[in-house]
PDB file of N, CA and C in Angstrom:
ATOM      1  N   UNK A   1       9.100 -20.758  15.885  1.00  0.00           N
ATOM      2  CA  UNK A   1       9.237 -19.320  15.828  1.00  0.00           C
ATOM      3  C   UNK A   1       9.069 -18.851  14.383  1.00  0.00           C
ATOM      4  N   UNK A   2       8.175 -17.884  14.174  1.00  0.00           N
ATOM      5  CA  UNK A   2       7.919 -17.384  12.829  1.00  0.00           C
ATOM      6  C   UNK A   2       9.018 -16.434  12.393  1.00  0.00           C
ATOM      7  N   UNK A   3       9.364 -16.521  11.114  1.00  0.00           N
ATOM      8  CA  UNK A   3      10.352 -15.589  10.585  1.00  0.00           C
ATOM      9  C   UNK A   3       9.645 -14.311  10.141  1.00  0.00           C
ATOM     10  N   UNK A   4      10.411 -13.256  10.006  1.00  0.00           N
ATOM     11  CA  UNK A   4       9.856 -11.974   9.562  1.00  0.00           C
ATOM     12  C   UNK A   4       9.388 -12.096   8.122  1.00  0.00           C
ATOM     13  N   UNK A   5       8.327 -11.368   7.757  1.00  0.00           N
ATOM     14  CA  UNK A   5       7.848 -11.433   6.380  1.00  0.00           C
ATOM     15  C   UNK A   5       8.903 -10.927   5.407  1.00  0.00           C
ATOM     16  N   UNK A   6       8.896 -11.509   4.219  1.00  0.00           N
ATOM     17  CA  UNK A   6       9.806 -11.104   3.154  1.00  0.00           C
ATOM     18  C   UNK A   6       9.225  -9.859   2.492  1.00  0.00           C
ATOM     19  N   UNK A   7       9.910  -8.732   2.614  1.00  0.00           N
ATOM     20  CA  UNK A   7       9.406  -7.468   2.090  1.00  0.00           C
ATOM     21  C   UNK A   7      10.335  -6.977   0.997  1.00  0.00           C
ATOM     22  N   UNK A   8       9.761  -6.607  -0.163  1.00  0.00           N
ATOM     23  CA  UNK A   8      10.540  -6.027  -1.253  1.00  0.00           C
ATOM     24  C   UNK A   8      10.198  -4.554  -1.356  1.00  0.00           C
ATOM     25  N   UNK A   9      11.195  -3.692  -1.280  1.00  0.00           N
ATOM     26  CA  UNK A   9      10.992  -2.261  -1.440  1.00  0.00           C
ATOM     27  C   UNK A   9      11.041  -1.943  -2.931  1.00  0.00           C
ATOM     28  N   UNK A  10       9.935  -1.459  -3.477  1.00  0.00           N
ATOM     29  CA  UNK A  10       9.873  -1.164  -4.903  1.00  0.00           C
ATOM     30  C   UNK A  10      10.428   0.219  -5.219  1.00  0.00           C
ATOM     31  N   UNK A  11      10.463   1.094  -4.238  1.00  0.00           N
ATOM     32  CA  UNK A  11      11.017   2.427  -4.432  1.00  0.00           C
ATOM     33  C   UNK A  11      12.141   2.577  -3.427  1.00  0.00           C
ATOM     34  N   UNK A  12      13.370   2.670  -3.892  1.00  0.00           N
ATOM     35  CA  UNK A  12      14.515   2.663  -2.993  1.00  0.00           C
ATOM     36  C   UNK A  12      14.951   4.068  -2.594  1.00  0.00           C
ATOM     37  N   UNK A  13      14.103   5.049  -2.775  1.00  0.00           N
ATOM     38  CA  UNK A  13      14.434   6.417  -2.398  1.00  0.00           C
ATOM     39  C   UNK A  13      14.710   6.493  -0.905  1.00  0.00           C
ATOM     40  N   UNK A  14      15.622   7.370  -0.512  1.00  0.00           N
ATOM     41  CA  UNK A  14      15.960   7.508   0.897  1.00  0.00           C
ATOM     42  C   UNK A  14      15.076   8.530   1.593  1.00  0.00           C
ATOM     43  N   UNK A  15      14.066   9.024   0.936  1.00  0.00           N
ATOM     44  CA  UNK A  15      13.172  10.018   1.518  1.00  0.00           C
ATOM     45  C   UNK A  15      12.408   9.400   2.685  1.00  0.00           C
ATOM     46  N   UNK A  16      12.751   9.829   3.908  1.00  0.00           N
ATOM     47  CA  UNK A  16      12.151   9.246   5.109  1.00  0.00           C
ATOM     48  C   UNK A  16      10.708   9.679   5.304  1.00  0.00           C
ATOM     49  N   UNK A  17      10.237  10.656   4.549  1.00  0.00           N
ATOM     50  CA  UNK A  17       8.890  11.170   4.720  1.00  0.00           C
ATOM     51  C   UNK A  17       7.856  10.405   3.903  1.00  0.00           C
ATOM     52  N   UNK A  18       8.260   9.394   3.188  1.00  0.00           N
ATOM     53  CA  UNK A  18       7.328   8.648   2.344  1.00  0.00           C
ATOM     54  C   UNK A  18       6.343   7.839   3.192  1.00  0.00           C
ATOM     55  N   UNK A  19       5.116   7.781   2.742  1.00  0.00           N
ATOM     56  CA  UNK A  19       4.102   6.945   3.359  1.00  0.00           C
ATOM     57  C   UNK A  19       4.279   5.534   2.830  1.00  0.00           C
ATOM     58  N   UNK A  20       4.514   4.580   3.715  1.00  0.00           N
ATOM     59  CA  UNK A  20       4.701   3.196   3.291  1.00  0.00           C
ATOM     60  C   UNK A  20       3.350   2.500   3.219  1.00  0.00           C
ATOM     61  N   UNK A  21       3.065   1.902   2.077  1.00  0.00           N
ATOM     62  CA  UNK A  21       1.838   1.135   1.889  1.00  0.00           C
ATOM     63  C   UNK A  21       2.238  -0.317   1.696  1.00  0.00           C
ATOM     64  N   UNK A  22       1.798  -1.162   2.611  1.00  0.00           N
ATOM     65  CA  UNK A  22       2.151  -2.575   2.582  1.00  0.00           C
ATOM     66  C   UNK A  22       1.020  -3.361   1.939  1.00  0.00           C
ATOM     67  N   UNK A  23       1.371  -4.189   0.963  1.00  0.00           N
ATOM     68  CA  UNK A  23       0.371  -4.985   0.251  1.00  0.00           C
ATOM     69  C   UNK A  23       0.815  -6.437   0.231  1.00  0.00           C
ATOM     70  N   UNK A  24      -0.081  -7.327   0.598  1.00  0.00           N
ATOM     71  CA  UNK A  24       0.201  -8.760   0.539  1.00  0.00           C
ATOM     72  C   UNK A  24       0.187  -9.212  -0.917  1.00  0.00           C
ATOM     73  N   UNK A  25       1.130 -10.076  -1.277  1.00  0.00           N
ATOM     74  CA  UNK A  25       1.168 -10.595  -2.642  1.00  0.00           C
ATOM     75  C   UNK A  25       0.679 -12.042  -2.704  1.00  0.00           C
ATOM     76  N   UNK A  26       0.036 -12.496  -1.653  1.00  0.00           N
ATOM     77  CA  UNK A  26      -0.480 -13.862  -1.630  1.00  0.00           C
ATOM     78  C   UNK A  26      -1.694 -14.024  -2.530  1.00  0.00           C
ATOM     79  N   UNK A  27      -1.982 -15.256  -2.947  1.00  0.00           N
ATOM     80  CA  UNK A  27      -3.087 -15.489  -3.889  1.00  0.00           C
ATOM     81  C   UNK A  27      -4.456 -15.145  -3.316  1.00  0.00           C
ATOM     82  N   UNK A  28      -4.654 -15.312  -2.022  1.00  0.00           N
ATOM     83  CA  UNK A  28      -5.952 -15.009  -1.424  1.00  0.00           C
ATOM     84  C   UNK A  28      -6.233 -13.508  -1.479  1.00  0.00           C
ATOM     85  N   UNK A  29      -5.243 -12.709  -1.101  1.00  0.00           N
ATOM     86  CA  UNK A  29      -5.433 -11.254  -1.104  1.00  0.00           C
ATOM     87  C   UNK A  29      -5.593 -10.712  -2.516  1.00  0.00           C
ATOM     88  N   UNK A  30      -4.980 -11.378  -3.489  1.00  0.00           N
ATOM     89  CA  UNK A  30      -5.133 -10.942  -4.877  1.00  0.00           C
ATOM     90  C   UNK A  30      -6.594 -10.968  -5.295  1.00  0.00           C
ATOM     91  N   UNK A  31      -7.348 -11.914  -4.747  1.00  0.00           N
ATOM     92  CA  UNK A  31      -8.770 -12.010  -5.066  1.00  0.00           C
ATOM     93  C   UNK A  31      -9.558 -10.856  -4.453  1.00  0.00           C
ATOM     94  N   UNK A  32      -8.985 -10.202  -3.441  1.00  0.00           N
ATOM     95  CA  UNK A  32      -9.687  -9.126  -2.745  1.00  0.00           C
ATOM     96  C   UNK A  32      -9.105  -7.755  -3.058  1.00  0.00           C
ATOM     97  N   UNK A  33      -8.420  -7.617  -4.185  1.00  0.00           N
ATOM     98  CA  UNK A  33      -8.014  -6.304  -4.644  1.00  0.00           C
ATOM     99  C   UNK A  33      -6.567  -5.922  -4.448  1.00  0.00           C
ATOM    100  N   UNK A  34      -5.716  -6.824  -3.955  1.00  0.00           N
ATOM    101  CA  UNK A  34      -4.316  -6.467  -3.726  1.00  0.00           C
ATOM    102  C   UNK A  34      -3.605  -6.098  -5.026  1.00  0.00           C
ATOM    103  N   UNK A  35      -3.923  -6.793  -6.109  1.00  0.00           N
ATOM    104  CA  UNK A  35      -3.296  -6.472  -7.398  1.00  0.00           C
ATOM    105  C   UNK A  35      -3.663  -5.059  -7.846  1.00  0.00           C
ATOM    106  N   UNK A  36      -4.932  -4.692  -7.668  1.00  0.00           N
ATOM    107  CA  UNK A  36      -5.378  -3.347  -8.026  1.00  0.00           C
ATOM    108  C   UNK A  36      -4.685  -2.296  -7.168  1.00  0.00           C
ATOM    109  N   UNK A  37      -4.501  -2.604  -5.884  1.00  0.00           N
ATOM    110  CA  UNK A  37      -3.846  -1.659  -4.983  1.00  0.00           C
ATOM    111  C   UNK A  37      -2.389  -1.451  -5.380  1.00  0.00           C
ATOM    112  N   UNK A  38      -1.698  -2.524  -5.747  1.00  0.00           N
ATOM    113  CA  UNK A  38      -0.302  -2.382  -6.188  1.00  0.00           C
ATOM    114  C   UNK A  38      -0.224  -1.507  -7.443  1.00  0.00           C
ATOM    115  N   UNK A  39      -1.119  -1.737  -8.393  1.00  0.00           N
ATOM    116  CA  UNK A  39      -1.140  -0.936  -9.614  1.00  0.00           C
ATOM    117  C   UNK A  39      -1.424   0.529  -9.294  1.00  0.00           C
ATOM    118  N   UNK A  40      -2.389   0.774  -8.420  1.00  0.00           N
ATOM    119  CA  UNK A  40      -2.736   2.140  -8.023  1.00  0.00           C
ATOM    120  C   UNK A  40      -1.544   2.826  -7.366  1.00  0.00           C
ATOM    121  N   UNK A  41      -0.840   2.118  -6.479  1.00  0.00           N
ATOM    122  CA  UNK A  41       0.319   2.696  -5.793  1.00  0.00           C
ATOM    123  C   UNK A  41       1.421   3.050  -6.782  1.00  0.00           C
ATOM    124  N   UNK A  42       1.654   2.179  -7.730  1.00  0.00           N
ATOM    125  CA  UNK A  42       2.681   2.477  -8.740  1.00  0.00           C
ATOM    126  C   UNK A  42       2.301   3.719  -9.550  1.00  0.00           C
ATOM    127  N   UNK A  43       1.019   3.861  -9.864  1.00  0.00           N
ATOM    128  CA  UNK A  43       0.546   5.043 -10.579  1.00  0.00           C
ATOM    129  C   UNK A  43       0.763   6.294  -9.742  1.00  0.00           C
ATOM    130  N   UNK A  44       0.475   6.212  -8.444  1.00  0.00           N
ATOM    131  CA  UNK A  44       0.668   7.355  -7.561  1.00  0.00           C
ATOM    132  C   UNK A  44       2.149   7.692  -7.407  1.00  0.00           C
ATOM    133  N   UNK A  45       3.008   6.669  -7.392  1.00  0.00           N
ATOM    134  CA  UNK A  45       4.455   6.922  -7.334  1.00  0.00           C
ATOM    135  C   UNK A  45       4.900   7.697  -8.571  1.00  0.00           C
ATOM    136  N   UNK A  46       4.376   7.316  -9.731  1.00  0.00           N
ATOM    137  CA  UNK A  46       4.728   8.002 -10.976  1.00  0.00           C
ATOM    138  C   UNK A  46       4.203   9.434 -10.987  1.00  0.00           C
ATOM    139  N   UNK A  47       3.117   9.684 -10.234  1.00  0.00           N
ATOM    140  CA  UNK A  47       2.562  11.037 -10.124  1.00  0.00           C
ATOM    141  C   UNK A  47       3.282  11.836  -9.036  1.00  0.00           C
ATOM    142  N   UNK A  48       4.337  11.258  -8.496  1.00  0.00           N
ATOM    143  CA  UNK A  48       5.196  11.911  -7.508  1.00  0.00           C
ATOM    144  C   UNK A  48       4.525  12.129  -6.160  1.00  0.00           C
ATOM    145  N   UNK A  49       3.525  11.324  -5.821  1.00  0.00           N
ATOM    146  CA  UNK A  49       3.000  11.328  -4.459  1.00  0.00           C
ATOM    147  C   UNK A  49       4.032  10.615  -3.601  1.00  0.00           C
ATOM    148  N   UNK A  50       4.360  11.169  -2.458  1.00  0.00           N
ATOM    149  CA  UNK A  50       5.435  10.581  -1.660  1.00  0.00           C
ATOM    150  C   UNK A  50       4.939   9.363  -0.883  1.00  0.00           C
ATOM    151  N   UNK A  51       4.928   8.243  -1.581  1.00  0.00           N
ATOM    152  CA  UNK A  51       4.595   6.982  -0.946  1.00  0.00           C
ATOM    153  C   UNK A  51       5.558   5.915  -1.427  1.00  0.00           C
ATOM    154  N   UNK A  52       5.626   4.841  -0.660  1.00  0.00           N
ATOM    155  CA  UNK A  52       6.488   3.719  -1.007  1.00  0.00           C
ATOM    156  C   UNK A  52       5.672   2.441  -0.879  1.00  0.00           C
ATOM    157  N   UNK A  53       5.676   1.639  -1.921  1.00  0.00           N
ATOM    158  CA  UNK A  53       4.933   0.389  -1.936  1.00  0.00           C
ATOM    159  C   UNK A  53       5.829  -0.733  -1.433  1.00  0.00           C
ATOM    160  N   UNK A  54       5.368  -1.447  -0.419  1.00  0.00           N
ATOM    161  CA  UNK A  54       6.084  -2.596   0.119  1.00  0.00           C
ATOM    162  C   UNK A  54       5.259  -3.836  -0.177  1.00  0.00           C
ATOM    163  N   UNK A  55       5.835  -4.804  -0.857  1.00  0.00           N
ATOM    164  CA  UNK A  55       5.135  -6.052  -1.141  1.00  0.00           C
ATOM    165  C   UNK A  55       5.558  -7.085  -0.106  1.00  0.00           C
ATOM    166  N   UNK A  56       4.591  -7.619   0.622  1.00  0.00           N
ATOM    167  CA  UNK A  56       4.849  -8.599   1.666  1.00  0.00           C
ATOM    168  C   UNK A  56       4.323  -9.944   1.196  1.00  0.00           C
ATOM    169  N   UNK A  57       5.157 -10.954   1.240  1.00  0.00           N
ATOM    170  CA  UNK A  57       4.700 -12.293   0.883  1.00  0.00           C
ATOM    171  C   UNK A  57       3.821 -12.828   2.004  1.00  0.00           C
ATOM    172  N   UNK A  58       2.742 -13.468   1.645  1.00  0.00           N
ATOM    173  CA  UNK A  58       1.683 -13.858   2.569  1.00  0.00           C
ATOM    174  C   UNK A  58       2.221 -14.596   3.794  1.00  0.00           C
ATOM    175  N   UNK A  59       1.803 -14.121   4.958  1.00  0.00           N
ATOM    176  CA  UNK A  59       2.164 -14.772   6.218  1.00  0.00           C
ATOM    177  C   UNK A  59       1.012 -15.620   6.739  1.00  0.00           C
ATOM    178  N   UNK A  60      -0.126 -15.552   6.086  1.00  0.00           N
ATOM    179  CA  UNK A  60      -1.262 -16.366   6.477  1.00  0.00           C
ATOM    180  C   UNK A  60      -2.201 -15.705   7.465  1.00  0.00           C
ATOM    181  N   UNK A  61      -1.836 -14.541   8.011  1.00  0.00           N
ATOM    182  CA  UNK A  61      -2.730 -13.899   8.974  1.00  0.00           C
ATOM    183  C   UNK A  61      -3.592 -12.809   8.346  1.00  0.00           C
ATOM    184  N   UNK A  62      -3.319 -12.483   7.103  1.00  0.00           N
ATOM    185  CA  UNK A  62      -4.130 -11.557   6.307  1.00  0.00           C
ATOM    186  C   UNK A  62      -4.286 -10.173   6.932  1.00  0.00           C
ATOM    187  N   UNK A  63      -3.329  -9.738   7.763  1.00  0.00           N
ATOM    188  CA  UNK A  63      -3.383  -8.390   8.330  1.00  0.00           C
ATOM    189  C   UNK A  63      -3.280  -7.320   7.256  1.00  0.00           C
ATOM    190  N   UNK A  64      -2.658  -7.645   6.130  1.00  0.00           N
ATOM    191  CA  UNK A  64      -2.466  -6.658   5.073  1.00  0.00           C
ATOM    192  C   UNK A  64      -3.480  -6.807   3.943  1.00  0.00           C
ATOM    193  N   UNK A  65      -4.498  -7.622   4.150  1.00  0.00           N
ATOM    194  CA  UNK A  65      -5.501  -7.803   3.102  1.00  0.00           C
ATOM    195  C   UNK A  65      -6.271  -6.502   2.894  1.00  0.00           C
ATOM    196  N   UNK A  66      -6.468  -6.086   1.655  1.00  0.00           N
ATOM    197  CA  UNK A  66      -7.260  -4.876   1.407  1.00  0.00           C
ATOM    198  C   UNK A  66      -8.707  -5.127   1.815  1.00  0.00           C
ATOM    199  N   UNK A  67      -9.245  -4.297   2.695  1.00  0.00           N
ATOM    200  CA  UNK A  67     -10.582  -4.566   3.202  1.00  0.00           C
ATOM    201  C   UNK A  67     -11.557  -3.410   3.042  1.00  0.00           C
ATOM    202  N   UNK A  68     -11.091  -2.228   2.653  1.00  0.00           N
ATOM    203  CA  UNK A  68     -12.018  -1.125   2.415  1.00  0.00           C
ATOM    204  C   UNK A  68     -11.796  -0.581   1.013  1.00  0.00           C
ATOM    205  N   UNK A  69     -12.824   0.008   0.450  1.00  0.00           N
ATOM    206  CA  UNK A  69     -12.701   0.583  -0.886  1.00  0.00           C
ATOM    207  C   UNK A  69     -12.456   2.080  -0.741  1.00  0.00           C
ATOM    208  N   UNK A  70     -11.349   2.554  -1.309  1.00  0.00           N
ATOM    209  CA  UNK A  70     -10.977   3.968  -1.266  1.00  0.00           C
ATOM    210  C   UNK A  70     -10.740   4.396  -2.696  1.00  0.00           C
ATOM    211  N   UNK A  71     -11.575   5.273  -3.199  1.00  0.00           N
ATOM    212  CA  UNK A  71     -11.431   5.746  -4.573  1.00  0.00           C
ATOM    213  C   UNK A  71     -11.374   4.575  -5.560  1.00  0.00           C
ATOM    214  N   UNK A  72     -12.270   3.621  -5.393  1.00  0.00           N
ATOM    215  CA  UNK A  72     -12.394   2.430  -6.241  1.00  0.00           C
ATOM    216  C   UNK A  72     -11.191   1.494  -6.144  1.00  0.00           C
ATOM    217  N   UNK A  73     -10.407   1.591  -5.075  1.00  0.00           N
ATOM    218  CA  UNK A  73      -9.278   0.695  -4.848  1.00  0.00           C
ATOM    219  C   UNK A  73      -9.399   0.130  -3.443  1.00  0.00           C
ATOM    220  N   UNK A  74      -9.241  -1.176  -3.300  1.00  0.00           N
ATOM    221  CA  UNK A  74      -9.368  -1.806  -1.994  1.00  0.00           C
ATOM    222  C   UNK A  74      -8.056  -1.739  -1.233  1.00  0.00           C
ATOM    223  N   UNK A  75      -8.140  -1.400   0.055  1.00  0.00           N
ATOM    224  CA  UNK A  75      -6.961  -1.342   0.913  1.00  0.00           C
ATOM    225  C   UNK A  75      -7.420  -1.410   2.367  1.00  0.00           C
ATOM    226  N   UNK A  76      -6.472  -1.504   3.296  1.00  0.00           N
ATOM    227  CA  UNK A  76      -6.851  -1.541   4.704  1.00  0.00           C
ATOM    228  C   UNK A  76      -7.380  -0.172   5.115  1.00  0.00           C
ATOM    229  N   UNK A  77      -8.185  -0.153   6.158  1.00  0.00           N
ATOM    230  CA  UNK A  77      -8.771   1.097   6.634  1.00  0.00           C
ATOM    231  C   UNK A  77      -7.685   2.081   7.086  1.00  0.00           C
ATOM    232  N   UNK A  78      -6.651   1.572   7.750  1.00  0.00           N
ATOM    233  CA  UNK A  78      -5.550   2.424   8.203  1.00  0.00           C
ATOM    234  C   UNK A  78      -4.833   3.043   7.009  1.00  0.00           C
ATOM    235  N   UNK A  79      -4.572   2.235   5.977  1.00  0.00           N
ATOM    236  CA  UNK A  79      -3.914   2.747   4.775  1.00  0.00           C
ATOM    237  C   UNK A  79      -4.765   3.825   4.118  1.00  0.00           C
ATOM    238  N   UNK A  80      -6.065   3.614   4.028  1.00  0.00           N
ATOM    239  CA  UNK A  80      -6.955   4.606   3.423  1.00  0.00           C
ATOM    240  C   UNK A  80      -6.908   5.918   4.198  1.00  0.00           C
ATOM    241  N   UNK A  81      -6.892   5.835   5.524  1.00  0.00           N
ATOM    242  CA  UNK A  81      -6.827   7.032   6.354  1.00  0.00           C
ATOM    243  C   UNK A  81      -5.494   7.762   6.149  1.00  0.00           C
ATOM    244  N   UNK A  82      -4.389   7.001   6.132  1.00  0.00           N
ATOM    245  CA  UNK A  82      -3.073   7.606   5.933  1.00  0.00           C
ATOM    246  C   UNK A  82      -2.964   8.252   4.556  1.00  0.00           C
ATOM    247  N   UNK A  83      -3.494   7.588   3.543  1.00  0.00           N
ATOM    248  CA  UNK A  83      -3.454   8.143   2.190  1.00  0.00           C
ATOM    249  C   UNK A  83      -4.251   9.430   2.098  1.00  0.00           C
ATOM    250  N   UNK A  84      -5.419   9.458   2.709  1.00  0.00           N
ATOM    251  CA  UNK A  84      -6.242  10.660   2.688  1.00  0.00           C
ATOM    252  C   UNK A  84      -5.491  11.820   3.324  1.00  0.00           C
ATOM    253  N   UNK A  85      -4.873  11.569   4.485  1.00  0.00           N
ATOM    254  CA  UNK A  85      -4.104  12.617   5.161  1.00  0.00           C
ATOM    255  C   UNK A  85      -2.942  13.091   4.296  1.00  0.00           C
ATOM    256  N   UNK A  86      -2.234  12.164   3.648  1.00  0.00           N
ATOM    257  CA  UNK A  86      -1.086  12.530   2.820  1.00  0.00           C
ATOM    258  C   UNK A  86      -1.528  13.353   1.612  1.00  0.00           C
ATOM    259  N   UNK A  87      -2.621  12.955   0.973  1.00  0.00           N
ATOM    260  CA  UNK A  87      -3.105  13.693  -0.189  1.00  0.00           C
ATOM    261  C   UNK A  87      -3.528  15.110   0.185  1.00  0.00           C
ATOM    262  N   UNK A  88      -4.139  15.262   1.356  1.00  0.00           N
ATOM    263  CA  UNK A  88      -4.515  16.596   1.834  1.00  0.00           C
ATOM    264  C   UNK A  88      -3.261  17.422   2.100  1.00  0.00           C
ATOM    265  N   UNK A  89      -2.275  16.814   2.783  1.00  0.00           N
ATOM    266  CA  UNK A  89      -1.023  17.520   3.098  1.00  0.00           C
ATOM    267  C   UNK A  89      -0.296  17.984   1.843  1.00  0.00           C
ATOM    268  N   UNK A  90      -0.351  17.183   0.780  1.00  0.00           N
ATOM    269  CA  UNK A  90       0.374  17.513  -0.447  1.00  0.00           C
ATOM    270  C   UNK A  90      -0.461  18.338  -1.427  1.00  0.00           C
ATOM    271  N   UNK A  91      -1.660  18.755  -0.985  1.00  0.00           N
ATOM    272  CA  UNK A  91      -2.463  19.661  -1.794  1.00  0.00           C
ATOM    273  C   UNK A  91      -3.279  19.014  -2.894  1.00  0.00           C
ATOM    274  N   UNK A  92      -3.463  17.701  -2.842  1.00  0.00           N
ATOM    275  CA  UNK A  92      -4.264  17.023  -3.865  1.00  0.00           C
ATOM    276  C   UNK A  92      -5.748  17.288  -3.652  1.00  0.00           C
ATOM    277  N   UNK A  93      -6.137  17.502  -2.375  1.00  0.00           N
ATOM    278  CA  UNK A  93      -7.519  17.837  -2.039  1.00  0.00           C
ATOM    279  C   UNK A  93      -7.528  19.225  -1.418  1.00  0.00           C
ATOM    280  N   UNK A  94      -8.581  19.977  -1.687  1.00  0.00           N
ATOM    281  CA  UNK A  94      -8.695  21.317  -1.094  1.00  0.00           C
ATOM    282  C   UNK A  94      -9.725  21.265  -0.004  1.00  0.00           C
TER     283      UNK A  94
END
């Protein structure tokens, strides 16, 4: 039986409206842009975009591997779609 992935919450705010972005911290995903995505998320957190970065230690199934390029940052297609919607909602795009 597999155990649940080890997740570290980098932003402990209780704001339930935050968009959670999950990034694998495994060495394979790092080669495909996970490090860049973590850096980008931290930058967006500092810009007060309501998101929360969750770092998941590699489970080997690579479901969280960044696979699409969004604004020069690799992430999953679902994450890119959610981010686009959030940025529009918060007035970053007109």
